[in-house]
Amino acid sequence: MSEMVDIGGKEHVNRIAKASGFIKLHPETIQKIKGKQVPKGDVISVAKTAGIMAIKNTTQIVPLTHPIPITGAKVNFVVQEEGVKVKVKVKSRGQTGVEMEALSGATASLLTVWDMVKGFEKDEEGQYPDTRITDIQVKEKVKK
């Protein structure tokens, strides 16, 4: 039996969660991202928007999460030699944490990067032997 946890008796407090993740990409793909040469558009800008949308819509993705007021959200990227790292920070004032929102933002951002560059990542058979999303994790959780 599934159920949402009752948070009705919990106090409203400031909450922050930070999450991160990484997508491994070919060096040529990274150069196309840096040079804004991806036909679908500016990969980083679109992926940031996707991350923020996922943060705000976590209850639509993860069934037993509570709808909570998001008071701030940041999605930042670091383009590295072997891929792209995303860092997400979510703030709320409420009765439950924002870890799932931060994780949703990180995941959706990286999925968007993959979608936008997948044409450069396929091998001759249309497969993705080297591309992978890794290290999605909660880096920090704060309750004040």
N, C-alpha and C. Protein backbone atom coordinates (compact mmCIF):
# COMPACT_ATOMS: atom_id res chain seq x y z
N MET A 1 0.83 -1.17 0.00
CA MET A 1 0.00 0.00 0.00
C MET A 1 0.89 1.25 0.00
N SER A 2 0.63 2.17 -0.90
CA SER A 2 1.39 3.42 -0.99
C SER A 2 0.63 4.52 -0.28
N GLU A 3 1.38 5.41 0.34
CA GLU A 3 0.74 6.56 0.98
C GLU A 3 1.74 7.69 1.11
N MET A 4 1.21 8.93 1.10
CA MET A 4 2.05 10.08 1.38
C MET A 4 2.20 10.20 2.89
N VAL A 5 3.39 10.56 3.33
CA VAL A 5 3.64 10.78 4.74
C VAL A 5 2.90 12.04 5.18
N ASP A 6 2.26 12.01 6.33
CA ASP A 6 1.55 13.18 6.85
C ASP A 6 2.57 14.14 7.45
N ILE A 7 2.69 15.32 6.85
CA ILE A 7 3.63 16.33 7.35
C ILE A 7 2.89 17.48 8.04
N GLY A 8 1.58 17.31 8.25
CA GLY A 8 0.74 18.37 8.80
C GLY A 8 1.20 18.94 10.12
N GLY A 9 1.82 18.14 10.96
CA GLY A 9 2.26 18.61 12.27
C GLY A 9 3.66 19.19 12.28
N LYS A 10 4.34 19.16 11.15
CA LYS A 10 5.71 19.66 11.11
C LYS A 10 5.72 21.18 10.96
N GLU A 11 6.73 21.78 11.54
CA GLU A 11 6.90 23.24 11.49
C GLU A 11 7.41 23.68 10.12
N HIS A 12 6.99 24.86 9.69
CA HIS A 12 7.52 25.46 8.46
C HIS A 12 8.90 26.05 8.76
N VAL A 13 9.90 25.55 8.05
CA VAL A 13 11.27 26.06 8.23
C VAL A 13 11.92 26.23 6.87
N ASN A 14 13.01 27.01 6.85
CA ASN A 14 13.78 27.18 5.62
C ASN A 14 14.54 25.89 5.32
N ARG A 15 14.47 25.48 4.06
CA ARG A 15 15.14 24.24 3.66
C ARG A 15 15.92 24.48 2.38
N ILE A 16 17.06 23.84 2.30
CA ILE A 16 17.91 23.92 1.12
C ILE A 16 18.40 22.52 0.80
N ALA A 17 18.44 22.19 -0.47
CA ALA A 17 19.07 20.94 -0.91
C ALA A 17 19.93 21.23 -2.12
N LYS A 18 21.07 20.59 -2.16
CA LYS A 18 21.98 20.70 -3.30
C LYS A 18 22.18 19.30 -3.87
N ALA A 19 22.14 19.21 -5.18
CA ALA A 19 22.36 17.93 -5.86
C ALA A 19 23.28 18.17 -7.05
N SER A 20 23.89 17.11 -7.51
CA SER A 20 24.76 17.22 -8.68
C SER A 20 24.71 15.93 -9.48
N GLY A 21 25.27 16.00 -10.67
CA GLY A 21 25.36 14.84 -11.54
C GLY A 21 26.30 15.15 -12.70
N PHE A 22 26.56 14.15 -13.52
CA PHE A 22 27.54 14.29 -14.60
C PHE A 22 27.08 13.50 -15.81
N ILE A 23 27.33 14.04 -17.00
CA ILE A 23 27.12 13.28 -18.22
C ILE A 23 28.44 13.21 -18.98
N LYS A 24 28.86 12.00 -19.27
CA LYS A 24 30.09 11.75 -20.02
C LYS A 24 29.79 11.88 -21.50
N LEU A 25 30.59 12.68 -22.19
CA LEU A 25 30.38 12.93 -23.62
C LEU A 25 31.70 12.84 -24.38
N HIS A 26 31.60 12.67 -25.70
CA HIS A 26 32.78 12.66 -26.56
C HIS A 26 33.41 14.06 -26.58
N PRO A 27 34.72 14.14 -26.72
CA PRO A 27 35.39 15.45 -26.78
C PRO A 27 34.83 16.35 -27.90
N GLU A 28 34.49 15.75 -29.03
CA GLU A 28 33.94 16.53 -30.14
C GLU A 28 32.59 17.16 -29.77
N THR A 29 31.81 16.42 -29.02
CA THR A 29 30.51 16.92 -28.57
C THR A 29 30.70 18.09 -27.61
N ILE A 30 31.65 17.98 -26.72
CA ILE A 30 31.93 19.05 -25.77
C ILE A 30 32.32 20.32 -26.52
N GLN A 31 33.13 20.18 -27.55
CA GLN A 31 33.53 21.35 -28.35
C GLN A 31 32.32 21.99 -29.03
N LYS A 32 31.39 21.18 -29.51
CA LYS A 32 30.18 21.72 -30.13
C LYS A 32 29.32 22.46 -29.11
N ILE A 33 29.24 21.94 -27.89
CA ILE A 33 28.51 22.63 -26.83
C ILE A 33 29.16 23.97 -26.53
N LYS A 34 30.47 23.97 -26.34
CA LYS A 34 31.21 25.21 -26.04
C LYS A 34 31.06 26.23 -27.16
N GLY A 35 31.10 25.76 -28.41
CA GLY A 35 31.02 26.66 -29.56
C GLY A 35 29.60 27.00 -29.99
N LYS A 36 28.63 26.51 -29.22
CA LYS A 36 27.21 26.73 -29.53
C LYS A 36 26.91 26.32 -30.97
N GLN A 37 27.39 25.11 -31.32
CA GLN A 37 27.23 24.56 -32.66
C GLN A 37 26.30 23.35 -32.69
N VAL A 38 25.40 23.26 -31.73
CA VAL A 38 24.45 22.15 -31.67
C VAL A 38 23.17 22.59 -32.36
N PRO A 39 22.72 21.86 -33.38
CA PRO A 39 21.54 22.29 -34.15
C PRO A 39 20.28 22.56 -33.33
N LYS A 40 20.10 21.84 -32.23
CA LYS A 40 18.89 22.04 -31.43
C LYS A 40 18.93 23.34 -30.63
N GLY A 41 20.09 23.98 -30.52
CA GLY A 41 20.18 25.25 -29.81
C GLY A 41 21.25 25.25 -28.74
N ASP A 42 21.18 26.26 -27.87
CA ASP A 42 22.13 26.45 -26.78
C ASP A 42 21.86 25.41 -25.71
N VAL A 43 22.70 24.40 -25.66
CA VAL A 43 22.50 23.24 -24.79
C VAL A 43 22.39 23.65 -23.32
N ILE A 44 23.28 24.49 -22.87
CA ILE A 44 23.30 24.86 -21.45
C ILE A 44 22.04 25.64 -21.07
N SER A 45 21.64 26.59 -21.89
CA SER A 45 20.43 27.37 -21.57
C SER A 45 19.18 26.50 -21.53
N VAL A 46 19.04 25.63 -22.51
CA VAL A 46 17.85 24.77 -22.55
C VAL A 46 17.87 23.79 -21.37
N ALA A 47 19.04 23.24 -21.06
CA ALA A 47 19.14 22.29 -19.95
C ALA A 47 18.87 22.97 -18.61
N LYS A 48 19.28 24.22 -18.45
CA LYS A 48 18.95 24.97 -17.22
C LYS A 48 17.44 25.12 -17.08
N THR A 49 16.80 25.49 -18.16
CA THR A 49 15.35 25.65 -18.13
C THR A 49 14.66 24.33 -17.81
N ALA A 50 15.13 23.25 -18.41
CA ALA A 50 14.56 21.92 -18.12
C ALA A 50 14.72 21.56 -16.65
N GLY A 51 15.87 21.87 -16.09
CA GLY A 51 16.10 21.58 -14.67
C GLY A 51 15.15 22.34 -13.77
N ILE A 52 14.95 23.61 -14.05
CA ILE A 52 14.03 24.42 -13.24
C ILE A 52 12.59 23.92 -13.39
N MET A 53 12.22 23.56 -14.62
CA MET A 53 10.87 23.01 -14.82
C MET A 53 10.69 21.72 -14.03
N ALA A 54 11.70 20.86 -14.02
CA ALA A 54 11.61 19.59 -13.27
C ALA A 54 11.50 19.85 -11.77
N ILE A 55 12.26 20.83 -11.28
CA ILE A 55 12.19 21.18 -9.86
C ILE A 55 10.76 21.55 -9.51
N LYS A 56 10.16 22.40 -10.31
CA LYS A 56 8.80 22.88 -10.02
C LYS A 56 7.73 21.81 -10.22
N ASN A 57 8.04 20.77 -10.96
CA ASN A 57 7.05 19.74 -11.27
C ASN A 57 7.40 18.37 -10.68
N THR A 58 8.18 18.34 -9.64
CA THR A 58 8.60 17.07 -9.05
C THR A 58 7.42 16.20 -8.65
N THR A 59 6.36 16.81 -8.14
CA THR A 59 5.20 16.00 -7.73
C THR A 59 4.55 15.28 -8.90
N GLN A 60 4.78 15.75 -10.12
CA GLN A 60 4.25 15.08 -11.31
C GLN A 60 5.14 13.91 -11.74
N ILE A 61 6.36 13.89 -11.24
CA ILE A 61 7.33 12.88 -11.63
C ILE A 61 7.48 11.79 -10.56
N VAL A 62 7.55 12.22 -9.30
CA VAL A 62 7.74 11.30 -8.18
C VAL A 62 6.44 11.27 -7.39
N PRO A 63 5.68 10.19 -7.49
CA PRO A 63 4.29 10.15 -7.03
C PRO A 63 4.01 10.52 -5.58
N LEU A 64 4.87 10.18 -4.65
CA LEU A 64 4.53 10.39 -3.24
C LEU A 64 5.20 11.61 -2.62
N THR A 65 5.71 12.50 -3.46
CA THR A 65 6.27 13.75 -2.94
C THR A 65 5.15 14.76 -2.73
N HIS A 66 5.39 15.69 -1.82
CA HIS A 66 4.41 16.73 -1.51
C HIS A 66 4.64 17.94 -2.40
N PRO A 67 3.57 18.59 -2.84
CA PRO A 67 3.75 19.87 -3.53
C PRO A 67 4.21 20.90 -2.50
N ILE A 68 5.34 21.52 -2.77
CA ILE A 68 5.90 22.47 -1.81
C ILE A 68 6.24 23.78 -2.52
N PRO A 69 6.23 24.88 -1.78
CA PRO A 69 6.59 26.15 -2.39
C PRO A 69 8.09 26.24 -2.62
N ILE A 70 8.48 26.45 -3.84
CA ILE A 70 9.90 26.63 -4.17
C ILE A 70 10.18 28.13 -4.09
N THR A 71 11.10 28.52 -3.23
CA THR A 71 11.41 29.93 -3.08
C THR A 71 12.65 30.34 -3.85
N GLY A 72 13.40 29.37 -4.35
CA GLY A 72 14.58 29.65 -5.15
C GLY A 72 15.11 28.39 -5.78
N ALA A 73 15.66 28.54 -6.98
CA ALA A 73 16.25 27.39 -7.68
C ALA A 73 17.37 27.88 -8.59
N LYS A 74 18.51 27.22 -8.51
CA LYS A 74 19.64 27.53 -9.38
C LYS A 74 20.12 26.24 -10.00
N VAL A 75 20.39 26.30 -11.29
CA VAL A 75 20.94 25.17 -12.03
C VAL A 75 22.17 25.70 -12.76
N ASN A 76 23.33 25.18 -12.41
CA ASN A 76 24.58 25.63 -13.02
C ASN A 76 25.34 24.46 -13.61
N PHE A 77 26.10 24.76 -14.66
CA PHE A 77 26.86 23.75 -15.35
C PHE A 77 28.33 24.09 -15.38
N VAL A 78 29.15 23.04 -15.35
CA VAL A 78 30.58 23.16 -15.55
C VAL A 78 30.91 22.21 -16.70
N VAL A 79 31.34 22.79 -17.82
CA VAL A 79 31.73 21.97 -18.96
C VAL A 79 33.17 21.54 -18.73
N GLN A 80 33.37 20.23 -18.63
CA GLN A 80 34.68 19.68 -18.32
C GLN A 80 35.24 18.93 -19.53
N GLU A 81 36.44 18.44 -19.38
CA GLU A 81 37.12 17.76 -20.48
C GLU A 81 36.38 16.50 -20.94
N GLU A 82 35.78 15.77 -19.99
CA GLU A 82 35.13 14.50 -20.34
C GLU A 82 33.61 14.57 -20.36
N GLY A 83 33.05 15.74 -20.05
CA GLY A 83 31.60 15.83 -20.04
C GLY A 83 31.12 17.11 -19.38
N VAL A 84 29.89 17.06 -18.91
CA VAL A 84 29.26 18.23 -18.30
C VAL A 84 28.75 17.87 -16.92
N LYS A 85 29.10 18.70 -15.94
CA LYS A 85 28.63 18.52 -14.57
C LYS A 85 27.54 19.53 -14.31
N VAL A 86 26.48 19.10 -13.64
CA VAL A 86 25.41 20.00 -13.23
C VAL A 86 25.40 20.10 -11.72
N LYS A 87 25.14 21.32 -11.24
CA LYS A 87 24.98 21.57 -9.81
C LYS A 87 23.64 22.29 -9.62
N VAL A 88 22.82 21.76 -8.74
CA VAL A 88 21.48 22.29 -8.51
C VAL A 88 21.32 22.67 -7.04
N LYS A 89 20.70 23.82 -6.82
CA LYS A 89 20.39 24.26 -5.46
C LYS A 89 18.93 24.67 -5.42
N VAL A 90 18.20 24.12 -4.47
CA VAL A 90 16.77 24.41 -4.34
C VAL A 90 16.49 24.90 -2.93
N LYS A 91 15.68 25.96 -2.84
CA LYS A 91 15.28 26.51 -1.55
C LYS A 91 13.76 26.47 -1.42
N SER A 92 13.33 26.29 -0.16
CA SER A 92 11.90 26.28 0.13
C SER A 92 11.70 26.70 1.59
N ARG A 93 10.51 27.11 1.90
CA ARG A 93 10.12 27.29 3.30
C ARG A 93 8.87 26.44 3.47
N GLY A 94 9.04 25.34 4.16
CA GLY A 94 7.92 24.42 4.26
C GLY A 94 8.11 23.37 5.31
N GLN A 95 7.34 22.30 5.17
CA GLN A 95 7.29 21.24 6.17
C GLN A 95 8.05 19.99 5.77
N THR A 96 8.63 20.00 4.59
CA THR A 96 9.38 18.83 4.14
C THR A 96 10.55 19.29 3.27
N GLY A 97 11.54 18.43 3.15
CA GLY A 97 12.76 18.78 2.44
C GLY A 97 12.60 18.88 0.93
N VAL A 98 13.65 19.38 0.30
CA VAL A 98 13.62 19.61 -1.15
C VAL A 98 14.66 18.76 -1.89
N GLU A 99 15.07 17.64 -1.27
CA GLU A 99 16.05 16.78 -1.93
C GLU A 99 15.54 16.21 -3.25
N MET A 100 14.30 15.77 -3.26
CA MET A 100 13.77 15.16 -4.49
C MET A 100 13.67 16.20 -5.60
N GLU A 101 13.36 17.44 -5.24
CA GLU A 101 13.31 18.51 -6.23
C GLU A 101 14.70 18.77 -6.82
N ALA A 102 15.72 18.79 -5.95
CA ALA A 102 17.08 18.99 -6.42
C ALA A 102 17.54 17.84 -7.32
N LEU A 103 17.22 16.62 -6.92
CA LEU A 103 17.57 15.45 -7.74
C LEU A 103 16.82 15.45 -9.07
N SER A 104 15.56 15.83 -9.04
CA SER A 104 14.77 15.92 -10.29
C SER A 104 15.38 16.94 -11.23
N GLY A 105 15.78 18.08 -10.67
CA GLY A 105 16.40 19.13 -11.49
C GLY A 105 17.69 18.67 -12.13
N ALA A 106 18.53 18.00 -11.35
CA ALA A 106 19.80 17.51 -11.88
C ALA A 106 19.57 16.48 -12.98
N THR A 107 18.66 15.56 -12.73
CA THR A 107 18.40 14.49 -13.69
C THR A 107 17.82 15.03 -14.99
N ALA A 108 16.82 15.89 -14.89
CA ALA A 108 16.19 16.44 -16.10
C ALA A 108 17.17 17.28 -16.90
N SER A 109 18.04 18.01 -16.21
CA SER A 109 19.05 18.81 -16.90
C SER A 109 19.97 17.92 -17.73
N LEU A 110 20.43 16.84 -17.12
CA LEU A 110 21.35 15.95 -17.82
C LEU A 110 20.66 15.19 -18.94
N LEU A 111 19.42 14.80 -18.73
CA LEU A 111 18.67 14.16 -19.82
C LEU A 111 18.50 15.11 -21.00
N THR A 112 18.30 16.38 -20.71
CA THR A 112 18.15 17.37 -21.77
C THR A 112 19.46 17.55 -22.54
N VAL A 113 20.57 17.57 -21.82
CA VAL A 113 21.87 17.63 -22.52
C VAL A 113 21.98 16.44 -23.46
N TRP A 114 21.68 15.25 -22.96
CA TRP A 114 21.78 14.04 -23.79
C TRP A 114 20.88 14.16 -25.02
N ASP A 115 19.65 14.56 -24.82
CA ASP A 115 18.73 14.69 -25.94
C ASP A 115 19.25 15.66 -27.00
N MET A 116 19.81 16.75 -26.57
CA MET A 116 20.24 17.78 -27.52
C MET A 116 21.49 17.38 -28.30
N VAL A 117 22.33 16.51 -27.74
CA VAL A 117 23.59 16.15 -28.41
C VAL A 117 23.63 14.70 -28.87
N LYS A 118 22.52 13.99 -28.76
CA LYS A 118 22.56 12.55 -29.03
C LYS A 118 23.02 12.21 -30.45
N GLY A 119 22.78 13.08 -31.40
CA GLY A 119 23.22 12.83 -32.76
C GLY A 119 24.73 12.74 -32.89
N PHE A 120 25.45 13.43 -32.00
CA PHE A 120 26.92 13.40 -32.02
C PHE A 120 27.47 12.24 -31.20
N GLU A 121 26.66 11.64 -30.37
CA GLU A 121 27.12 10.61 -29.45
C GLU A 121 26.92 9.18 -29.97
N LYS A 122 26.09 9.02 -31.00
CA LYS A 122 25.81 7.67 -31.53
C LYS A 122 27.00 7.11 -32.27
N ASP A 123 27.14 5.79 -32.19
CA ASP A 123 28.15 5.12 -33.01
C ASP A 123 27.56 4.75 -34.37
N GLU A 124 28.28 3.98 -35.15
CA GLU A 124 27.83 3.61 -36.51
C GLU A 124 26.54 2.80 -36.50
N GLU A 125 26.27 2.13 -35.39
CA GLU A 125 25.07 1.30 -35.28
C GLU A 125 23.92 2.02 -34.59
N GLY A 126 24.10 3.31 -34.29
CA GLY A 126 23.05 4.08 -33.64
C GLY A 126 22.97 3.88 -32.14
N GLN A 127 24.02 3.33 -31.55
CA GLN A 127 24.05 3.07 -30.11
C GLN A 127 24.88 4.13 -29.38
N TYR A 128 24.82 4.12 -28.07
CA TYR A 128 25.54 5.07 -27.23
C TYR A 128 26.51 4.32 -26.30
N PRO A 129 27.58 3.76 -26.83
CA PRO A 129 28.45 2.94 -25.99
C PRO A 129 29.26 3.73 -24.96
N ASP A 130 29.47 5.01 -25.18
CA ASP A 130 30.32 5.79 -24.27
C ASP A 130 29.56 6.81 -23.44
N THR A 131 28.40 7.22 -23.88
CA THR A 131 27.63 8.25 -23.20
C THR A 131 26.96 7.66 -21.97
N ARG A 132 27.08 8.38 -20.85
CA ARG A 132 26.41 7.90 -19.63
C ARG A 132 26.19 9.04 -18.66
N ILE A 133 25.10 8.95 -17.93
CA ILE A 133 24.81 9.86 -16.84
C ILE A 133 25.21 9.16 -15.55
N THR A 134 26.02 9.84 -14.74
CA THR A 134 26.53 9.22 -13.52
C THR A 134 26.51 10.21 -12.35
N ASP A 135 26.78 9.67 -11.19
CA ASP A 135 27.05 10.46 -9.99
C ASP A 135 25.94 11.41 -9.58
N ILE A 136 24.69 11.06 -9.86
CA ILE A 136 23.59 11.89 -9.38
C ILE A 136 23.46 11.65 -7.89
N GLN A 137 23.58 12.73 -7.13
CA GLN A 137 23.57 12.59 -5.68
C GLN A 137 23.14 13.87 -4.99
N VAL A 138 22.67 13.72 -3.76
CA VAL A 138 22.41 14.86 -2.90
C VAL A 138 23.74 15.22 -2.26
N LYS A 139 24.17 16.45 -2.49
CA LYS A 139 25.44 16.92 -1.95
C LYS A 139 25.29 17.52 -0.56
N GLU A 140 24.10 18.11 -0.31
CA GLU A 140 23.89 18.76 0.97
C GLU A 140 22.41 18.95 1.21
N LYS A 141 22.03 18.88 2.48
CA LYS A 141 20.64 19.11 2.91
C LYS A 141 20.71 19.96 4.16
N VAL A 142 19.98 21.08 4.14
CA VAL A 142 20.01 22.01 5.27
C VAL A 142 18.59 22.33 5.70
N LYS A 143 18.39 22.36 7.02
CA LYS A 143 17.10 22.74 7.60
C LYS A 143 17.40 23.76 8.69
N LYS A 144 16.81 24.97 8.52
CA LYS A 144 17.06 26.05 9.50
C LYS A 144 15.76 26.50 10.13
